[in-house]
Amino acid sequence: MLLEKIDNLDIFRPKMDSTKEVLHAIATFTVDISPAFPYVNAELGGWDYDQTNQVLLLKLSDSSSTVVKK
């Protein structure tokens, strides 16, 4: 499972306006999870998956997320 492969997880409020009811999260994984991007995109109904650059854009409720392979 992907969650078991998380090496580091940072969850924080926006630095520019910490009063917003929004959280940001940055996860670092111990393995390359980019092969799972198309499946995550299909399951969550993302906006777009760019296979060449391995970037996944997601729209979850009223917020958007970007998942990038580094």
PDB file of N, CA and C in Angstrom:
ATOM      1  N   MET A   1       0.843  -1.179   0.000  1.00  0.00           N
ATOM      2  CA  MET A   1       0.000   0.000   0.000  1.00  0.00           C
ATOM      3  C   MET A   1       0.893   1.249   0.000  1.00  0.00           C
ATOM      4  N   LEU A   2       0.482   2.273  -0.733  1.00  0.00           N
ATOM      5  CA  LEU A   2       1.295   3.476  -0.877  1.00  0.00           C
ATOM      6  C   LEU A   2       1.547   4.189   0.445  1.00  0.00           C
ATOM      7  N   LEU A   3       0.564   4.223   1.312  1.00  0.00           N
ATOM      8  CA  LEU A   3       0.732   4.951   2.578  1.00  0.00           C
ATOM      9  C   LEU A   3       1.828   4.356   3.443  1.00  0.00           C
ATOM     10  N   GLU A   4       2.074   3.067   3.301  1.00  0.00           N
ATOM     11  CA  GLU A   4       3.134   2.419   4.079  1.00  0.00           C
ATOM     12  C   GLU A   4       4.524   2.823   3.588  1.00  0.00           C
ATOM     13  N   LYS A   5       4.605   3.400   2.393  1.00  0.00           N
ATOM     14  CA  LYS A   5       5.880   3.778   1.792  1.00  0.00           C
ATOM     15  C   LYS A   5       6.256   5.238   2.058  1.00  0.00           C
ATOM     16  N   ILE A   6       5.467   5.945   2.872  1.00  0.00           N
ATOM     17  CA  ILE A   6       5.764   7.349   3.173  1.00  0.00           C
ATOM     18  C   ILE A   6       6.959   7.424   4.119  1.00  0.00           C
ATOM     19  N   ASP A   7       7.971   8.161   3.700  1.00  0.00           N
ATOM     20  CA  ASP A   7       9.173   8.356   4.505  1.00  0.00           C
ATOM     21  C   ASP A   7       9.023   9.577   5.412  1.00  0.00           C
ATOM     22  N   ASN A   8       8.400  10.645   4.878  1.00  0.00           N
ATOM     23  CA  ASN A   8       8.223  11.881   5.636  1.00  0.00           C
ATOM     24  C   ASN A   8       6.913  12.531   5.194  1.00  0.00           C
ATOM     25  N   LEU A   9       6.155  13.049   6.146  1.00  0.00           N
ATOM     26  CA  LEU A   9       4.886  13.720   5.845  1.00  0.00           C
ATOM     27  C   LEU A   9       4.829  15.027   6.620  1.00  0.00           C
ATOM     28  N   ASP A  10       4.715  16.123   5.883  1.00  0.00           N
ATOM     29  CA  ASP A  10       4.567  17.446   6.490  1.00  0.00           C
ATOM     30  C   ASP A  10       3.173  17.969   6.170  1.00  0.00           C
ATOM     31  N   ILE A  11       2.424  18.335   7.194  1.00  0.00           N
ATOM     32  CA  ILE A  11       1.094  18.925   7.040  1.00  0.00           C
ATOM     33  C   ILE A  11       1.140  20.283   7.720  1.00  0.00           C
ATOM     34  N   PHE A  12       0.727  21.318   6.985  1.00  0.00           N
ATOM     35  CA  PHE A  12       0.837  22.670   7.529  1.00  0.00           C
ATOM     36  C   PHE A  12      -0.220  23.583   6.924  1.00  0.00           C
ATOM     37  N   ARG A  13      -0.461  24.696   7.595  1.00  0.00           N
ATOM     38  CA  ARG A  13      -1.384  25.727   7.102  1.00  0.00           C
ATOM     39  C   ARG A  13      -0.648  26.614   6.101  1.00  0.00           C
ATOM     40  N   PRO A  14      -1.387  27.295   5.223  1.00  0.00           N
ATOM     41  CA  PRO A  14      -0.744  28.195   4.264  1.00  0.00           C
ATOM     42  C   PRO A  14       0.106  29.240   4.985  1.00  0.00           C
ATOM     43  N   LYS A  15       1.299  29.471   4.490  1.00  0.00           N
ATOM     44  CA  LYS A  15       2.208  30.401   5.150  1.00  0.00           C
ATOM     45  C   LYS A  15       1.760  31.846   5.006  1.00  0.00           C
ATOM     46  N   MET A  16       1.080  32.169   3.926  1.00  0.00           N
ATOM     47  CA  MET A  16       0.653  33.546   3.695  1.00  0.00           C
ATOM     48  C   MET A  16      -0.583  33.915   4.528  1.00  0.00           C
ATOM     49  N   ASP A  17      -1.435  32.945   4.830  1.00  0.00           N
ATOM     50  CA  ASP A  17      -2.646  33.224   5.605  1.00  0.00           C
ATOM     51  C   ASP A  17      -3.009  31.986   6.421  1.00  0.00           C
ATOM     52  N   SER A  18      -2.485  31.907   7.620  1.00  0.00           N
ATOM     53  CA  SER A  18      -2.703  30.734   8.462  1.00  0.00           C
ATOM     54  C   SER A  18      -4.107  30.664   9.048  1.00  0.00           C
ATOM     55  N   THR A  19      -4.949  31.678   8.785  1.00  0.00           N
ATOM     56  CA  THR A  19      -6.316  31.655   9.303  1.00  0.00           C
ATOM     57  C   THR A  19      -7.262  30.882   8.386  1.00  0.00           C
ATOM     58  N   LYS A  20      -6.834  30.575   7.167  1.00  0.00           N
ATOM     59  CA  LYS A  20      -7.689  29.837   6.236  1.00  0.00           C
ATOM     60  C   LYS A  20      -7.898  28.413   6.725  1.00  0.00           C
ATOM     61  N   GLU A  21      -9.066  27.867   6.418  1.00  0.00           N
ATOM     62  CA  GLU A  21      -9.371  26.493   6.792  1.00  0.00           C
ATOM     63  C   GLU A  21      -8.880  25.544   5.698  1.00  0.00           C
ATOM     64  N   VAL A  22      -7.585  25.616   5.445  1.00  0.00           N
ATOM     65  CA  VAL A  22      -6.944  24.834   4.395  1.00  0.00           C
ATOM     66  C   VAL A  22      -5.672  24.229   4.977  1.00  0.00           C
ATOM     67  N   LEU A  23      -5.356  23.027   4.561  1.00  0.00           N
ATOM     68  CA  LEU A  23      -4.101  22.404   4.949  1.00  0.00           C
ATOM     69  C   LEU A  23      -3.318  22.028   3.704  1.00  0.00           C
ATOM     70  N   HIS A  24      -2.015  22.143   3.773  1.00  0.00           N
ATOM     71  CA  HIS A  24      -1.126  21.679   2.721  1.00  0.00           C
ATOM     72  C   HIS A  24      -0.417  20.434   3.239  1.00  0.00           C
ATOM     73  N   ALA A  25      -0.127  19.502   2.353  1.00  0.00           N
ATOM     74  CA  ALA A  25       0.600  18.304   2.744  1.00  0.00           C
ATOM     75  C   ALA A  25       1.664  17.989   1.694  1.00  0.00           C
ATOM     76  N   ILE A  26       2.838  17.654   2.170  1.00  0.00           N
ATOM     77  CA  ILE A  26       3.930  17.217   1.308  1.00  0.00           C
ATOM     78  C   ILE A  26       4.417  15.881   1.852  1.00  0.00           C
ATOM     79  N   ALA A  27       4.363  14.853   1.008  1.00  0.00           N
ATOM     80  CA  ALA A  27       4.798  13.515   1.404  1.00  0.00           C
ATOM     81  C   ALA A  27       6.011  13.113   0.578  1.00  0.00           C
ATOM     82  N   THR A  28       6.971  12.513   1.241  1.00  0.00           N
ATOM     83  CA  THR A  28       8.141  11.954   0.579  1.00  0.00           C
ATOM     84  C   THR A  28       8.072  10.440   0.747  1.00  0.00           C
ATOM     85  N   PHE A  29       8.199   9.732  -0.369  1.00  0.00           N
ATOM     86  CA  PHE A  29       8.076   8.284  -0.341  1.00  0.00           C
ATOM     87  C   PHE A  29       9.440   7.620  -0.451  1.00  0.00           C
ATOM     88  N   THR A  30       9.552   6.419   0.107  1.00  0.00           N
ATOM     89  CA  THR A  30      10.804   5.669   0.069  1.00  0.00           C
ATOM     90  C   THR A  30      11.017   4.982  -1.277  1.00  0.00           C
ATOM     91  N   VAL A  31       9.967   4.887  -2.083  1.00  0.00           N
ATOM     92  CA  VAL A  31      10.049   4.246  -3.402  1.00  0.00           C
ATOM     93  C   VAL A  31       9.411   5.153  -4.440  1.00  0.00           C
ATOM     94  N   ASP A  32       9.668   4.872  -5.696  1.00  0.00           N
ATOM     95  CA  ASP A  32       9.068   5.614  -6.806  1.00  0.00           C
ATOM     96  C   ASP A  32       7.609   5.179  -6.953  1.00  0.00           C
ATOM     97  N   ILE A  33       6.675   6.092  -6.691  1.00  0.00           N
ATOM     98  CA  ILE A  33       5.253   5.765  -6.792  1.00  0.00           C
ATOM     99  C   ILE A  33       4.627   6.261  -8.090  1.00  0.00           C
ATOM    100  N   SER A  34       5.444   6.838  -8.977  1.00  0.00           N
ATOM    101  CA  SER A  34       4.891   7.391 -10.216  1.00  0.00           C
ATOM    102  C   SER A  34       4.148   6.372 -11.074  1.00  0.00           C
ATOM    103  N   PRO A  35       4.491   5.065 -11.058  1.00  0.00           N
ATOM    104  CA  PRO A  35       3.686   4.118 -11.822  1.00  0.00           C
ATOM    105  C   PRO A  35       2.222   4.038 -11.348  1.00  0.00           C
ATOM    106  N   ALA A  36       1.955   4.470 -10.118  1.00  0.00           N
ATOM    107  CA  ALA A  36       0.588   4.440  -9.593  1.00  0.00           C
ATOM    108  C   ALA A  36      -0.227   5.669  -9.999  1.00  0.00           C
ATOM    109  N   PHE A  37       0.422   6.725 -10.532  1.00  0.00           N
ATOM    110  CA  PHE A  37      -0.275   7.968 -10.878  1.00  0.00           C
ATOM    111  C   PHE A  37      -1.492   7.753 -11.778  1.00  0.00           C
ATOM    112  N   PRO A  38      -1.399   6.967 -12.853  1.00  0.00           N
ATOM    113  CA  PRO A  38      -2.593   6.793 -13.707  1.00  0.00           C
ATOM    114  C   PRO A  38      -3.760   6.149 -12.963  1.00  0.00           C
ATOM    115  N   TYR A  39      -3.456   5.239 -12.049  1.00  0.00           N
ATOM    116  CA  TYR A  39      -4.508   4.563 -11.285  1.00  0.00           C
ATOM    117  C   TYR A  39      -5.143   5.508 -10.266  1.00  0.00           C
ATOM    118  N   VAL A  40      -4.310   6.317  -9.616  1.00  0.00           N
ATOM    119  CA  VAL A  40      -4.831   7.321  -8.677  1.00  0.00           C
ATOM    120  C   VAL A  40      -5.702   8.316  -9.441  1.00  0.00           C
ATOM    121  N   ASN A  41      -5.242   8.733 -10.612  1.00  0.00           N
ATOM    122  CA  ASN A  41      -5.999   9.665 -11.447  1.00  0.00           C
ATOM    123  C   ASN A  41      -7.353   9.069 -11.823  1.00  0.00           C
ATOM    124  N   ALA A  42      -7.372   7.801 -12.222  1.00  0.00           N
ATOM    125  CA  ALA A  42      -8.628   7.146 -12.618  1.00  0.00           C
ATOM    126  C   ALA A  42      -9.573   7.003 -11.430  1.00  0.00           C
ATOM    127  N   GLU A  43      -9.025   6.660 -10.281  1.00  0.00           N
ATOM    128  CA  GLU A  43      -9.861   6.431  -9.095  1.00  0.00           C
ATOM    129  C   GLU A  43     -10.430   7.729  -8.538  1.00  0.00           C
ATOM    130  N   LEU A  44      -9.618   8.793  -8.501  1.00  0.00           N
ATOM    131  CA  LEU A  44     -10.055  10.059  -7.916  1.00  0.00           C
ATOM    132  C   LEU A  44     -10.652  11.014  -8.937  1.00  0.00           C
ATOM    133  N   GLY A  45     -10.602  10.675 -10.208  1.00  0.00           N
ATOM    134  CA  GLY A  45     -11.171  11.546 -11.239  1.00  0.00           C
ATOM    135  C   GLY A  45     -10.411  12.841 -11.367  1.00  0.00           C
ATOM    136  N   GLY A  46      -9.106  12.728 -11.515  1.00  0.00           N
ATOM    137  CA  GLY A  46      -8.257  13.914 -11.595  1.00  0.00           C
ATOM    138  C   GLY A  46      -8.516  14.741 -12.833  1.00  0.00           C
ATOM    139  N   TRP A  47      -7.894  15.896 -12.872  1.00  0.00           N
ATOM    140  CA  TRP A  47      -8.005  16.791 -14.023  1.00  0.00           C
ATOM    141  C   TRP A  47      -7.195  16.282 -15.188  1.00  0.00           C
ATOM    142  N   ASP A  48      -5.940  15.927 -14.914  1.00  0.00           N
ATOM    143  CA  ASP A  48      -5.034  15.614 -16.005  1.00  0.00           C
ATOM    144  C   ASP A  48      -3.868  14.792 -15.497  1.00  0.00           C
ATOM    145  N   TYR A  49      -3.392  13.877 -16.344  1.00  0.00           N
ATOM    146  CA  TYR A  49      -2.179  13.129 -16.045  1.00  0.00           C
ATOM    147  C   TYR A  49      -1.240  13.272 -17.229  1.00  0.00           C
ATOM    148  N   ASP A  50      -0.053  13.828 -16.987  1.00  0.00           N
ATOM    149  CA  ASP A  50       0.967  14.008 -18.015  1.00  0.00           C
ATOM    150  C   ASP A  50       1.998  12.907 -17.833  1.00  0.00           C
ATOM    151  N   GLN A  51       1.898  11.864 -18.665  1.00  0.00           N
ATOM    152  CA  GLN A  51       2.763  10.698 -18.516  1.00  0.00           C
ATOM    153  C   GLN A  51       4.225  11.018 -18.811  1.00  0.00           C
ATOM    154  N   THR A  52       4.471  11.889 -19.774  1.00  0.00           N
ATOM    155  CA  THR A  52       5.836  12.237 -20.145  1.00  0.00           C
ATOM    156  C   THR A  52       6.591  12.871 -18.987  1.00  0.00           C
ATOM    157  N   ASN A  53       5.975  13.835 -18.321  1.00  0.00           N
ATOM    158  CA  ASN A  53       6.611  14.543 -17.207  1.00  0.00           C
ATOM    159  C   ASN A  53       6.266  13.970 -15.846  1.00  0.00           C
ATOM    160  N   GLN A  54       5.410  12.954 -15.821  1.00  0.00           N
ATOM    161  CA  GLN A  54       4.959  12.291 -14.600  1.00  0.00           C
ATOM    162  C   GLN A  54       4.418  13.288 -13.580  1.00  0.00           C
ATOM    163  N   VAL A  55       3.416  14.049 -14.038  1.00  0.00           N
ATOM    164  CA  VAL A  55       2.732  15.029 -13.203  1.00  0.00           C
ATOM    165  C   VAL A  55       1.255  14.682 -13.188  1.00  0.00           C
ATOM    166  N   LEU A  56       0.658  14.676 -12.013  1.00  0.00           N
ATOM    167  CA  LEU A  56      -0.758  14.364 -11.845  1.00  0.00           C
ATOM    168  C   LEU A  56      -1.446  15.573 -11.217  1.00  0.00           C
ATOM    169  N   LEU A  57      -2.446  16.116 -11.891  1.00  0.00           N
ATOM    170  CA  LEU A  57      -3.229  17.230 -11.363  1.00  0.00           C
ATOM    171  C   LEU A  57      -4.572  16.679 -10.904  1.00  0.00           C
ATOM    172  N   LEU A  58      -4.929  16.930  -9.663  1.00  0.00           N
ATOM    173  CA  LEU A  58      -6.167  16.411  -9.087  1.00  0.00           C
ATOM    174  C   LEU A  58      -7.080  17.539  -8.651  1.00  0.00           C
ATOM    175  N   LYS A  59      -8.354  17.322  -8.763  1.00  0.00           N
ATOM    176  CA  LYS A  59      -9.363  18.246  -8.241  1.00  0.00           C
ATOM    177  C   LYS A  59     -10.154  17.460  -7.207  1.00  0.00           C
ATOM    178  N   LEU A  60      -9.959  17.797  -5.951  1.00  0.00           N
ATOM    179  CA  LEU A  60     -10.638  17.125  -4.852  1.00  0.00           C
ATOM    180  C   LEU A  60     -11.528  18.118  -4.140  1.00  0.00           C
ATOM    181  N   SER A  61     -12.819  17.963  -4.285  1.00  0.00           N
ATOM    182  CA  SER A  61     -13.791  18.869  -3.697  1.00  0.00           C
ATOM    183  C   SER A  61     -13.561  20.281  -4.253  1.00  0.00           C
ATOM    184  N   ASP A  62     -13.290  21.255  -3.387  1.00  0.00           N
ATOM    185  CA  ASP A  62     -13.080  22.633  -3.824  1.00  0.00           C
ATOM    186  C   ASP A  62     -11.596  23.009  -3.891  1.00  0.00           C
ATOM    187  N   SER A  63     -10.728  22.013  -3.825  1.00  0.00           N
ATOM    188  CA  SER A  63      -9.295  22.320  -3.856  1.00  0.00           C
ATOM    189  C   SER A  63      -8.619  21.536  -4.974  1.00  0.00           C
ATOM    190  N   SER A  64      -7.434  21.937  -5.302  1.00  0.00           N
ATOM    191  CA  SER A  64      -6.677  21.224  -6.314  1.00  0.00           C
ATOM    192  C   SER A  64      -5.329  20.786  -5.736  1.00  0.00           C
ATOM    193  N   SER A  65      -4.776  19.712  -6.299  1.00  0.00           N
ATOM    194  CA  SER A  65      -3.501  19.173  -5.847  1.00  0.00           C
ATOM    195  C   SER A  65      -2.651  18.832  -7.045  1.00  0.00           C
ATOM    196  N   THR A  66      -1.362  18.931  -6.883  1.00  0.00           N
ATOM    197  CA  THR A  66      -0.414  18.535  -7.912  1.00  0.00           C
ATOM    198  C   THR A  66       0.496  17.484  -7.327  1.00  0.00           C
ATOM    199  N   VAL A  67       0.647  16.375  -8.035  1.00  0.00           N
ATOM    200  CA  VAL A  67       1.538  15.296  -7.610  1.00  0.00           C
ATOM    201  C   VAL A  67       2.635  15.206  -8.656  1.00  0.00           C
ATOM    202  N   VAL A  68       3.884  15.317  -8.221  1.00  0.00           N
ATOM    203  CA  VAL A  68       5.021  15.386  -9.131  1.00  0.00           C
ATOM    204  C   VAL A  68       6.086  14.380  -8.680  1.00  0.00           C
ATOM    205  N   LYS A  69       6.683  13.695  -9.648  1.00  0.00           N
ATOM    206  CA  LYS A  69       7.825  12.843  -9.350  1.00  0.00           C
ATOM    207  C   LYS A  69       9.062  13.724  -9.322  1.00  0.00           C
ATOM    208  N   LYS A  70       9.858  13.590  -8.273  1.00  0.00           N
ATOM    209  CA  LYS A  70      11.101  14.366  -8.185  1.00  0.00           C
ATOM    210  C   LYS A  70      12.281  13.487  -8.474  1.00  0.00           C
TER     211      LYS A  70
END
